[in-house]
Protein backbone atom coordinates (compact mmCIF):
# COMPACT_ATOMS: atom_id res chain seq x y z
CA MET A 1 141.90 68.83 85.74
CA PHE A 2 140.50 67.79 89.08
CA LYS A 3 140.93 71.37 90.39
CA LYS A 4 139.00 72.80 87.43
CA ALA A 5 136.24 70.26 87.89
CA LEU A 6 136.04 71.04 91.59
CA LEU A 7 135.86 74.80 90.98
CA GLY A 8 133.19 74.24 88.36
CA ALA A 9 131.16 72.14 90.77
CA VAL A 10 131.47 74.79 93.50
CA SER A 11 130.37 77.54 91.08
CA LEU A 12 127.35 75.53 90.03
CA ALA A 13 126.48 74.85 93.66
CA VAL A 14 126.68 78.56 94.54
CA LEU A 15 124.51 79.41 91.52
CA ALA A 16 121.99 76.77 92.50
CA ILE A 17 121.83 78.12 96.06
CA GLY A 18 121.27 81.65 94.75
CA GLN A 19 118.52 80.45 92.43
CA ALA A 20 116.94 78.53 95.28
CA HIS A 21 116.93 81.60 97.51
CA ALA A 22 115.32 83.68 94.77
CA ALA A 23 112.79 80.92 94.17
CA ASP A 24 111.89 81.03 97.87
CA VAL A 25 110.55 84.55 97.39
CA LYS A 26 106.95 83.91 96.39
CA GLU A 27 105.57 87.37 97.10
CA PHE A 28 106.99 90.87 96.73
CA ARG A 29 105.35 93.24 99.20
CA ILE A 30 105.05 96.96 98.49
CA GLY A 31 104.30 99.48 101.22
CA VAL A 32 102.34 102.54 100.11
CA ILE A 33 102.47 105.48 102.53
CA GLY A 34 99.33 107.35 103.55
CA GLY A 35 98.44 110.94 102.83
CA GLU A 36 96.40 110.45 99.68
CA ASN A 37 93.07 108.82 98.86
CA GLU A 38 93.64 105.05 99.12
CA ALA A 39 91.89 104.20 95.84
CA ASP A 40 94.15 106.68 94.03
CA ARG A 41 97.27 105.22 95.62
CA LEU A 42 96.33 101.67 94.63
CA ARG A 43 95.50 102.73 91.08
CA ASN A 44 98.83 104.56 90.72
CA PHE A 45 100.81 101.45 91.69
CA GLN A 46 98.78 98.93 89.67
CA CYS A 47 101.18 99.12 86.74
CA VAL A 48 104.01 97.97 89.01
CA VAL A 49 101.85 95.14 90.39
CA ASP A 50 101.19 93.99 86.83
CA GLN A 51 104.80 94.16 85.64
CA LEU A 52 106.97 93.04 88.56
CA PRO A 53 106.05 89.32 88.82
CA ALA A 54 107.66 88.57 85.46
CA VAL A 55 110.62 90.86 86.19
CA LEU A 56 111.39 89.43 89.63
CA GLY A 57 110.27 85.86 89.06
CA VAL A 58 107.78 85.93 91.91
CA GLU A 59 104.25 84.58 91.97
CA LYS A 60 102.60 87.65 93.41
CA VAL A 61 103.13 91.36 94.04
CA SER A 62 100.96 92.83 96.79
CA LEU A 63 100.22 96.41 97.83
CA PHE A 64 99.89 97.35 101.48
CA PRO A 65 98.49 100.88 101.77
CA ALA A 66 98.89 102.43 105.22
CA ALA A 67 96.59 104.96 106.82
CA ASP A 68 99.57 107.15 107.69
CA TYR A 69 103.33 107.33 107.25
CA ASP A 70 104.06 105.34 110.39
CA GLY A 71 102.12 102.30 109.16
CA THR A 72 104.57 101.82 106.31
CA ILE A 73 107.55 102.66 108.52
CA GLN A 74 106.58 99.97 111.03
CA GLY A 75 106.10 97.45 108.24
CA LEU A 76 109.62 98.10 107.02
CA LEU A 77 111.05 97.92 110.52
CA GLY A 78 109.21 94.65 111.12
CA GLY A 79 110.42 93.10 107.87
CA THR A 80 106.91 92.61 106.48
CA LEU A 81 107.47 94.91 103.48
CA ASP A 82 110.06 94.59 100.72
CA TYR A 83 109.91 98.01 99.08
CA ALA A 84 108.48 101.44 99.76
CA GLU A 85 109.00 105.05 98.76
CA LEU A 86 109.56 107.30 101.75
CA GLY A 87 110.19 110.90 102.61
CA ALA A 88 113.64 111.66 103.99
CA SER A 89 112.28 112.03 107.54
CA GLY A 90 110.48 108.68 107.34
CA TYR A 91 113.74 107.04 106.31
CA ALA A 92 115.53 108.88 109.13
CA LYS A 93 113.06 107.43 111.63
CA ILE A 94 113.85 103.91 110.44
CA TYR A 95 117.59 104.59 110.41
CA LEU A 96 117.55 105.91 113.97
CA GLU A 97 115.68 102.83 115.20
CA ASN A 98 117.48 100.21 113.09
CA LYS A 99 119.95 101.43 110.48
CA ASP A 100 120.19 97.93 109.01
CA ALA A 101 116.46 97.44 108.38
CA VAL A 102 116.35 98.95 104.89
CA GLU A 103 118.67 100.19 102.16
CA PRO A 104 118.04 103.45 100.30
CA ILE A 105 118.87 102.69 96.68
CA LEU A 106 117.41 105.41 94.46
CA THR A 107 115.81 108.82 94.53
CA THR A 108 114.11 110.93 91.90
CA VAL A 109 115.70 113.69 89.85
CA GLN A 110 113.61 116.78 89.11
CA THR A 111 113.20 118.03 85.55
CA ASP A 112 115.83 120.72 86.25
CA GLY A 113 118.35 118.10 87.47
CA ALA A 114 117.88 118.80 91.19
CA THR A 115 117.59 115.96 93.69
CA GLY A 116 115.46 117.95 96.10
CA TYR A 117 112.10 119.62 96.58
CA TYR A 118 110.48 122.16 98.91
CA THR A 119 107.98 122.61 101.68
CA ILE A 120 105.28 124.86 100.27
CA MET A 121 103.15 126.61 102.87
CA VAL A 122 99.76 127.59 101.48
CA ALA A 123 96.74 129.58 102.63
CA LYS A 124 93.35 130.37 101.11
CA LYS A 125 93.58 133.30 98.72
CA ASP A 126 90.77 135.14 100.51
CA SER A 127 92.26 134.58 103.99
CA GLY A 128 94.33 137.76 103.97
CA ILE A 129 97.45 135.70 104.69
CA THR A 130 100.23 136.36 102.19
CA LYS A 131 103.41 136.27 104.29
CA LEU A 132 104.71 134.62 107.46
CA GLU A 133 104.03 137.66 109.62
CA ASP A 134 100.32 137.24 108.88
CA LEU A 135 100.36 133.87 110.68
CA LYS A 136 100.87 135.48 114.09
CA GLY A 137 98.15 134.09 116.37
CA LYS A 138 96.71 131.86 113.63
CA LYS A 139 96.28 128.09 113.30
CA LEU A 140 98.95 126.26 111.29
CA GLY A 141 98.43 122.74 109.95
CA PHE A 142 101.12 120.12 109.33
CA ALA A 143 100.72 117.09 107.09
CA ASP A 144 101.97 114.17 109.24
CA PRO A 145 104.38 113.80 112.19
CA ASP A 146 106.70 111.67 110.03
CA SER A 147 106.56 113.93 106.97
CA THR A 148 109.76 115.72 106.00
CA SER A 149 108.22 118.64 104.13
CA GLY A 150 104.97 118.56 106.04
CA TYR A 151 106.48 118.72 109.55
CA LEU A 152 110.22 118.23 110.19
CA ILE A 153 111.54 120.92 107.87
CA PRO A 154 108.94 123.57 108.78
CA VAL A 155 109.50 123.24 112.53
CA THR A 156 113.28 123.34 112.12
CA ALA A 157 113.58 125.98 109.35
CA LEU A 158 110.72 128.38 110.13
CA PRO A 159 112.19 129.84 113.36
CA LYS A 160 115.04 131.39 111.33
CA ASP A 161 112.47 133.28 109.26
CA LEU A 162 110.41 134.14 112.34
CA GLY A 163 113.21 136.06 114.02
CA GLY A 164 114.27 133.11 116.16
CA VAL A 165 110.78 132.49 117.55
CA SER A 166 109.64 128.85 117.59
CA VAL A 167 106.57 127.89 115.57
CA LYS A 168 104.55 126.98 118.68
CA ASP A 169 105.26 130.38 120.21
CA PHE A 170 104.43 132.28 117.03
CA VAL A 171 101.11 130.74 116.06
CA ALA A 172 98.10 130.21 118.30
CA GLU A 173 97.69 126.53 117.52
CA THR A 174 99.09 123.71 115.39
CA GLY A 175 97.61 120.43 114.27
CA PHE A 176 97.93 117.61 111.75
CA GLY A 177 95.83 117.22 108.63
CA GLY A 178 96.20 113.47 108.19
CA GLY A 179 98.49 113.57 105.15
CA HIS A 180 99.28 116.13 102.48
CA GLU A 181 96.12 115.86 100.41
CA ASN A 182 93.83 116.04 103.41
CA LEU A 183 95.81 118.94 104.86
CA VAL A 184 95.30 121.11 101.77
CA LEU A 185 91.60 120.24 101.78
CA GLU A 186 91.40 121.25 105.46
CA VAL A 187 93.07 124.58 104.64
CA LEU A 188 90.42 125.17 101.99
CA LYS A 189 87.70 124.29 104.52
CA GLY A 190 89.13 126.77 107.01
CA THR A 191 90.15 124.18 109.61
CA PHE A 192 93.67 125.62 109.37
CA ASP A 193 94.62 129.15 108.39
CA ALA A 194 97.67 127.81 106.55
CA GLY A 195 99.29 124.43 105.98
CA THR A 196 102.57 122.85 104.91
CA THR A 197 102.67 120.57 101.88
CA PHE A 198 105.28 120.01 99.16
CA GLY A 199 106.21 120.70 95.57
CA SER A 200 109.16 120.51 93.23
CA GLY A 201 109.59 124.29 93.15
CA VAL A 202 110.16 123.86 89.42
CA GLY A 203 107.71 125.61 87.13
CA GLU A 204 104.91 127.86 88.36
CA PHE A 205 102.94 127.85 91.60
CA LYS A 206 99.78 128.54 89.60
CA ASP A 207 100.20 125.10 88.00
CA GLY A 208 101.04 123.31 91.26
CA TYR A 209 104.69 123.17 90.09
CA THR A 210 105.89 120.17 88.05
CA SER A 211 105.49 117.54 90.76
CA GLY A 212 104.45 117.09 94.37
CA ASN A 213 101.18 117.06 96.25
CA LEU A 214 99.76 120.25 94.76
CA LYS A 215 100.42 118.97 91.22
CA LYS A 216 98.79 115.63 91.99
CA MET A 217 95.71 117.34 93.39
CA VAL A 218 95.45 119.61 90.35
CA ASP A 219 95.79 116.65 88.00
CA LYS A 220 93.03 114.80 89.87
CA GLY A 221 90.74 117.80 89.55
CA ILE A 222 90.30 118.32 93.29
CA LEU A 223 92.28 121.54 93.56
CA ASP A 224 92.11 124.89 91.79
CA MET A 225 95.39 126.70 92.43
CA ASP A 226 93.54 130.02 92.09
CA ASP A 227 92.08 129.26 95.53
CA LEU A 228 95.51 129.27 97.21
CA VAL A 229 98.46 131.56 97.81
CA GLU A 230 102.03 130.57 98.60
CA VAL A 231 103.04 131.91 102.00
CA TRP A 232 106.49 130.37 102.45
CA LYS A 233 108.93 128.07 100.69
CA SER A 234 111.58 126.12 102.58
CA PRO A 235 115.23 125.56 101.73
CA LEU A 236 115.84 122.63 99.37
CA ILE A 237 115.01 119.23 100.91
CA PRO A 238 116.61 115.95 99.73
CA ASN A 239 114.16 113.90 97.66
CA GLY A 240 112.97 110.86 99.58
CA PRO A 241 114.44 107.42 98.90
CA ILE A 242 113.22 104.23 97.35
CA VAL A 243 114.12 101.69 100.00
CA VAL A 244 114.28 97.89 99.97
CA ARG A 245 114.42 95.44 102.85
CA THR A 246 118.09 94.81 103.59
CA SER A 247 117.58 91.07 104.05
CA LEU A 248 115.77 90.72 100.70
CA ASP A 249 117.40 88.27 98.29
CA ALA A 250 120.30 89.98 96.48
CA ASP A 251 119.16 88.81 93.04
CA ILE A 252 115.66 90.19 93.64
CA LYS A 253 117.16 93.49 94.79
CA ALA A 254 119.32 93.78 91.67
CA LYS A 255 116.43 92.97 89.32
CA PHE A 256 114.12 95.41 91.09
CA LYS A 257 116.67 98.24 91.01
CA ASP A 258 117.34 97.66 87.32
CA TYR A 259 113.59 97.69 86.61
CA MET A 260 113.10 100.98 88.44
CA VAL A 261 116.08 102.69 86.82
CA LYS A 262 114.74 101.81 83.37
CA LEU A 263 111.08 102.58 84.16
CA PRO A 264 111.13 106.25 83.00
CA GLU A 265 111.98 104.98 79.51
CA THR A 266 110.18 101.62 79.42
CA ASP A 267 106.90 102.95 80.83
CA PRO A 268 106.82 106.74 81.32
CA ALA A 269 103.14 106.70 82.29
CA CYS A 270 103.77 104.20 85.10
CA PHE A 271 106.81 106.15 86.28
CA SER A 272 104.80 109.37 86.40
CA ALA A 273 101.89 107.66 88.18
CA ILE A 274 103.92 106.24 91.05
CA GLN A 275 106.06 109.37 91.45
CA GLY A 276 103.25 111.90 91.18
CA GLY A 277 104.32 114.33 88.49
CA ASP A 278 107.12 115.10 86.07
CA PHE A 279 110.62 113.87 86.90
CA LYS A 280 113.74 113.31 84.82
CA GLY A 281 114.50 109.88 86.25
CA PHE A 282 116.31 108.23 89.15
CA THR A 283 119.78 108.50 90.63
CA GLU A 284 121.52 106.26 93.17
CA VAL A 285 121.70 107.28 96.83
CA THR A 286 123.28 106.03 100.05
CA PRO A 287 122.49 106.72 103.72
CA GLU A 288 125.04 109.56 103.66
CA PHE A 289 122.78 111.55 101.33
CA TYR A 290 120.20 111.72 104.15
CA GLN A 291 122.57 112.38 107.06
CA PRO A 292 121.52 116.06 107.45
CA VAL A 293 117.87 115.00 107.73
CA ILE A 294 118.77 112.16 110.11
CA ASP A 295 120.62 114.66 112.31
CA ALA A 296 117.75 117.16 112.14
CA ARG A 297 115.18 114.53 113.10
CA LYS A 298 117.30 113.27 116.00
CA ALA A 299 117.70 116.83 117.31
CA GLN A 300 114.07 117.83 116.82
CA ILE A 301 112.09 114.66 117.51
CA GLY A 302 114.63 112.31 119.04
CA SER A 303 113.74 109.24 116.96
């Protein structure tokens, strides 16, 4: 009798401690990576800001848009953000600096069931550039130094298709566009002869594919795909992870993960807004899923 009472008291104490820890979390902080117009990013995530307080039991959900990828990465490394959606290379950067800073918990599934996407290199239709060989001596733009599809994969995969010649030795000049959206706009302006962005590879190029930067730009009315040609498509890249701060309260983590997994069914419009296009849903991931990208980043960039 005494033993049962003691165990019951211990269980209640543990439950109370857990509830107290969850209650200590007053604010849930969301990092929003750069690369797209800030007003658009904030608008896309507003549905999550509205819904999560009741789901998580917090007083406030705040968005922290960064000017570039590294702003969000540093926030996660510093423990000042609780959740963000990253590219695989951005996650690799965090992992290589502090593998215990964040946990990858979910990634998106394309409409065809794939858990990957592609670098899509584009050029202006009237540029005369239709294949990689046409880039010889031209100016190539990348999206961001911490972008998977916009930098890491092109510089590691392109040499194979350039006869073993490195990108810097093949083109006359390279540069960064300040994110995917800006990069495509700079290609259209003629700042770059071609540029690397991303798409699902599902569907048709003329539609911007089913998801990715090109699709988002088409949907916003700032891109006519008739103005572009596809010059190169990379091998399949692992979809980037949803990550949470490792030290975040376990109950908050569980509630957040459950909310995200159900989001494609409970609020399809919100799901589409934050993911930028058409996806089937989410699937669970672990650090092992990103090991090839981690290894590629370490070899190419070092950190």
